[in-house]
Amino acid sequence: MPHYCKYFIAHCIDFRFQEAIKDHLAKNGLLGDCDIISIAGGVKDRDFILKQLDVSVSLHKSREAVLINHIDCGAYGGSGKFSSFEAERIFHAKELEKTKTRILEKYPSLKVKIMLAKIQQSGKVTFEEIKA
């Protein structure tokens, strides 16, 4: 019996974001209707992301992808590698855009949303959708 899901989600393995990501997916109606992968660096390993997306599209007919990177990601060297928050934000936006472009080259009809997560001083995680 075939089984389908609408979304493919890729995000970092960082434990600090797991609960917030799950809550964000649930709040937006994605949880339970998605294939989810966690990988160090979020979208850093584009080849791996594409291989996993191939499986999701092939087996589950996913039609939308949500890519999530986060501020202070150790796989990219952490926040200390950047001169400012804005420099780090721009860097991650470019990384997410590169992965989105690779996905759309292979799957032009797929919808792709890119997001950046950040832990606020309060401890709350916020999500910013990056618009091209």
C-alpha atoms as a PDB file:
ATOM      1  CA  MET A   1       0.000   0.000   0.000  1.00  0.00           C
ATOM      2  CA  PRO A   2       1.569   3.349  -1.015  1.00  0.00           C
ATOM      3  CA  HIS A   3       2.107   6.046   1.565  1.00  0.00           C
ATOM      4  CA  TYR A   4       2.798   9.686   0.864  1.00  0.00           C
ATOM      5  CA  CYS A   5       3.853  12.827   2.668  1.00  0.00           C
ATOM      6  CA  LYS A   6       3.873  16.407   1.522  1.00  0.00           C
ATOM      7  CA  TYR A   7       7.087  17.722   3.084  1.00  0.00           C
ATOM      8  CA  PHE A   8      10.790  16.972   3.247  1.00  0.00           C
ATOM      9  CA  ILE A   9      12.521  18.653   6.206  1.00  0.00           C
ATOM     10  CA  ALA A  10      16.296  19.005   6.645  1.00  0.00           C
ATOM     11  CA  HIS A  11      17.859  20.537   9.749  1.00  0.00           C
ATOM     12  CA  CYS A  12      20.936  20.354  11.958  1.00  0.00           C
ATOM     13  CA  ILE A  13      21.420  17.645  14.573  1.00  0.00           C
ATOM     14  CA  ASP A  14      22.081  20.244  17.304  1.00  0.00           C
ATOM     15  CA  PHE A  15      20.141  19.134  20.400  1.00  0.00           C
ATOM     16  CA  ARG A  16      19.461  22.747  21.389  1.00  0.00           C
ATOM     17  CA  PHE A  17      16.990  23.091  18.515  1.00  0.00           C
ATOM     18  CA  GLN A  18      15.228  19.700  18.481  1.00  0.00           C
ATOM     19  CA  GLU A  19      12.225  20.557  20.645  1.00  0.00           C
ATOM     20  CA  ALA A  20      11.756  23.976  19.029  1.00  0.00           C
ATOM     21  CA  ILE A  21      11.911  22.493  15.528  1.00  0.00           C
ATOM     22  CA  LYS A  22       9.373  19.824  16.451  1.00  0.00           C
ATOM     23  CA  ASP A  23       7.074  22.482  17.955  1.00  0.00           C
ATOM     24  CA  HIS A  24       7.504  24.719  14.894  1.00  0.00           C
ATOM     25  CA  LEU A  25       6.649  21.856  12.533  1.00  0.00           C
ATOM     26  CA  ALA A  26       3.598  20.898  14.607  1.00  0.00           C
ATOM     27  CA  LYS A  27       2.379  24.504  14.867  1.00  0.00           C
ATOM     28  CA  ASN A  28       2.602  24.862  11.079  1.00  0.00           C
ATOM     29  CA  GLY A  29       0.863  21.569  10.283  1.00  0.00           C
ATOM     30  CA  LEU A  30       3.942  19.805   8.932  1.00  0.00           C
ATOM     31  CA  LEU A  31       4.592  17.219  11.639  1.00  0.00           C
ATOM     32  CA  GLY A  32       3.143  13.860  10.704  1.00  0.00           C
ATOM     33  CA  ASP A  33       3.156  14.768   7.012  1.00  0.00           C
ATOM     34  CA  CYS A  34       6.909  14.910   6.428  1.00  0.00           C
ATOM     35  CA  ASP A  35      10.155  13.043   6.049  1.00  0.00           C
ATOM     36  CA  ILE A  36      12.707  14.555   8.436  1.00  0.00           C
ATOM     37  CA  ILE A  37      16.480  14.312   8.306  1.00  0.00           C
ATOM     38  CA  SER A  38      18.964  15.724  10.787  1.00  0.00           C
ATOM     39  CA  ILE A  39      22.554  16.236   9.726  1.00  0.00           C
ATOM     40  CA  ALA A  40      25.439  18.169  11.225  1.00  0.00           C
ATOM     41  CA  GLY A  41      25.495  21.592   9.601  1.00  0.00           C
ATOM     42  CA  GLY A  42      21.928  21.472   8.332  1.00  0.00           C
ATOM     43  CA  VAL A  43      22.343  22.009   4.577  1.00  0.00           C
ATOM     44  CA  LYS A  44      26.158  21.983   4.592  1.00  0.00           C
ATOM     45  CA  ASP A  45      26.387  18.557   2.882  1.00  0.00           C
ATOM     46  CA  ARG A  46      24.321  19.291  -0.225  1.00  0.00           C
ATOM     47  CA  ASP A  47      25.024  15.911  -1.830  1.00  0.00           C
ATOM     48  CA  PHE A  48      23.624  14.090   1.200  1.00  0.00           C
ATOM     49  CA  ILE A  49      20.591  16.374   1.298  1.00  0.00           C
ATOM     50  CA  LEU A  50      19.885  15.693  -2.384  1.00  0.00           C
ATOM     51  CA  LYS A  51      20.245  11.908  -1.949  1.00  0.00           C
ATOM     52  CA  GLN A  52      17.777  11.945   0.932  1.00  0.00           C
ATOM     53  CA  LEU A  53      15.409  14.210  -0.992  1.00  0.00           C
ATOM     54  CA  ASP A  54      15.582  11.778  -3.928  1.00  0.00           C
ATOM     55  CA  VAL A  55      14.336   9.027  -1.613  1.00  0.00           C
ATOM     56  CA  SER A  56      11.579  11.215  -0.182  1.00  0.00           C
ATOM     57  CA  VAL A  57      10.350  12.315  -3.610  1.00  0.00           C
ATOM     58  CA  SER A  58      10.614   8.833  -5.072  1.00  0.00           C
ATOM     59  CA  LEU A  59       8.993   6.885  -2.243  1.00  0.00           C
ATOM     60  CA  HIS A  60       6.714   9.403  -0.605  1.00  0.00           C
ATOM     61  CA  LYS A  61       6.052  11.907  -3.405  1.00  0.00           C
ATOM     62  CA  SER A  62       7.157  14.901  -1.295  1.00  0.00           C
ATOM     63  CA  ARG A  63       6.199  18.184  -2.946  1.00  0.00           C
ATOM     64  CA  GLU A  64       7.748  20.744  -0.620  1.00  0.00           C
ATOM     65  CA  ALA A  65      11.105  21.048   1.126  1.00  0.00           C
ATOM     66  CA  VAL A  66      11.907  23.022   4.253  1.00  0.00           C
ATOM     67  CA  LEU A  67      15.603  23.667   4.900  1.00  0.00           C
ATOM     68  CA  ILE A  68      16.668  24.940   8.322  1.00  0.00           C
ATOM     69  CA  ASN A  69      20.091  26.175   9.385  1.00  0.00           C
ATOM     70  CA  HIS A  70      20.803  27.873  12.682  1.00  0.00           C
ATOM     71  CA  ILE A  71      22.959  30.569  14.219  1.00  0.00           C
ATOM     72  CA  ASP A  72      25.994  29.366  16.219  1.00  0.00           C
ATOM     73  CA  CYS A  73      26.306  26.098  14.281  1.00  0.00           C
ATOM     74  CA  GLY A  74      29.445  24.219  15.310  1.00  0.00           C
ATOM     75  CA  ALA A  75      29.703  22.508  11.915  1.00  0.00           C
ATOM     76  CA  TYR A  76      30.355  25.951  10.423  1.00  0.00           C
ATOM     77  CA  GLY A  77      32.681  27.088  13.220  1.00  0.00           C
ATOM     78  CA  GLY A  78      30.093  28.678  15.513  1.00  0.00           C
ATOM     79  CA  SER A  79      29.207  32.332  15.907  1.00  0.00           C
ATOM     80  CA  GLY A  80      32.793  33.198  16.898  1.00  0.00           C
ATOM     81  CA  LYS A  81      33.890  32.648  13.300  1.00  0.00           C
ATOM     82  CA  PHE A  82      31.872  35.668  12.155  1.00  0.00           C
ATOM     83  CA  SER A  83      32.502  39.367  12.708  1.00  0.00           C
ATOM     84  CA  SER A  84      28.856  40.050  13.599  1.00  0.00           C
ATOM     85  CA  PHE A  85      25.427  38.507  13.836  1.00  0.00           C
ATOM     86  CA  GLU A  86      24.525  40.058  10.475  1.00  0.00           C
ATOM     87  CA  ALA A  87      27.612  38.529   8.807  1.00  0.00           C
ATOM     88  CA  GLU A  88      26.635  35.114  10.181  1.00  0.00           C
ATOM     89  CA  ARG A  89      23.020  35.583   9.100  1.00  0.00           C
ATOM     90  CA  ILE A  90      24.082  36.504   5.559  1.00  0.00           C
ATOM     91  CA  PHE A  91      26.434  33.521   5.410  1.00  0.00           C
ATOM     92  CA  HIS A  92      23.685  31.074   6.384  1.00  0.00           C
ATOM     93  CA  ALA A  93      21.214  32.692   4.012  1.00  0.00           C
ATOM     94  CA  LYS A  94      23.700  32.111   1.175  1.00  0.00           C
ATOM     95  CA  GLU A  95      24.274  28.494   2.251  1.00  0.00           C
ATOM     96  CA  LEU A  96      20.547  27.873   2.294  1.00  0.00           C
ATOM     97  CA  GLU A  97      20.118  29.565  -1.107  1.00  0.00           C
ATOM     98  CA  LYS A  98      22.863  27.377  -2.632  1.00  0.00           C
ATOM     99  CA  THR A  99      21.074  24.253  -1.470  1.00  0.00           C
ATOM    100  CA  LYS A 100      17.709  25.561  -2.632  1.00  0.00           C
ATOM    101  CA  THR A 101      19.196  26.253  -6.078  1.00  0.00           C
ATOM    102  CA  ARG A 102      20.615  22.714  -6.309  1.00  0.00           C
ATOM    103  CA  ILE A 103      17.246  21.258  -5.350  1.00  0.00           C
ATOM    104  CA  LEU A 104      15.344  23.372  -7.876  1.00  0.00           C
ATOM    105  CA  GLU A 105      17.769  22.413 -10.650  1.00  0.00           C
ATOM    106  CA  LYS A 106      16.758  18.792 -10.133  1.00  0.00           C
ATOM    107  CA  TYR A 107      13.153  19.322  -8.998  1.00  0.00           C
ATOM    108  CA  PRO A 108      11.914  22.581 -10.563  1.00  0.00           C
ATOM    109  CA  SER A 109       8.297  22.023  -9.479  1.00  0.00           C
ATOM    110  CA  LEU A 110       9.202  21.462  -5.813  1.00  0.00           C
ATOM    111  CA  LYS A 111       8.424  24.294  -3.412  1.00  0.00           C
ATOM    112  CA  VAL A 112      11.430  25.105  -1.229  1.00  0.00           C
ATOM    113  CA  LYS A 113      11.304  27.192   1.946  1.00  0.00           C
ATOM    114  CA  ILE A 114      14.534  28.203   3.689  1.00  0.00           C
ATOM    115  CA  MET A 115      14.720  29.185   7.336  1.00  0.00           C
ATOM    116  CA  LEU A 116      17.231  30.315   9.923  1.00  0.00           C
ATOM    117  CA  ALA A 117      16.797  29.465  13.599  1.00  0.00           C
ATOM    118  CA  LYS A 118      18.294  31.401  16.494  1.00  0.00           C
ATOM    119  CA  ILE A 119      18.296  30.965  20.251  1.00  0.00           C
ATOM    120  CA  GLN A 120      17.300  34.263  21.838  1.00  0.00           C
ATOM    121  CA  GLN A 121      18.791  35.440  25.148  1.00  0.00           C
ATOM    122  CA  SER A 122      15.552  34.319  26.788  1.00  0.00           C
ATOM    123  CA  GLY A 123      16.267  30.779  25.597  1.00  0.00           C
ATOM    124  CA  LYS A 124      13.378  30.834  23.139  1.00  0.00           C
ATOM    125  CA  VAL A 125      14.160  29.668  19.596  1.00  0.00           C
ATOM    126  CA  THR A 126      12.912  31.885  16.774  1.00  0.00           C
ATOM    127  CA  PHE A 127      12.642  31.044  13.091  1.00  0.00           C
ATOM    128  CA  GLU A 128      13.172  33.495  10.273  1.00  0.00           C
ATOM    129  CA  GLU A 129      12.050  32.596   6.774  1.00  0.00           C
ATOM    130  CA  ILE A 130      14.698  33.735   4.311  1.00  0.00           C
ATOM    131  CA  LYS A 131      13.162  35.320   1.216  1.00  0.00           C
ATOM    132  CA  ALA A 132      15.124  35.542  -2.008  1.00  0.00           C
END
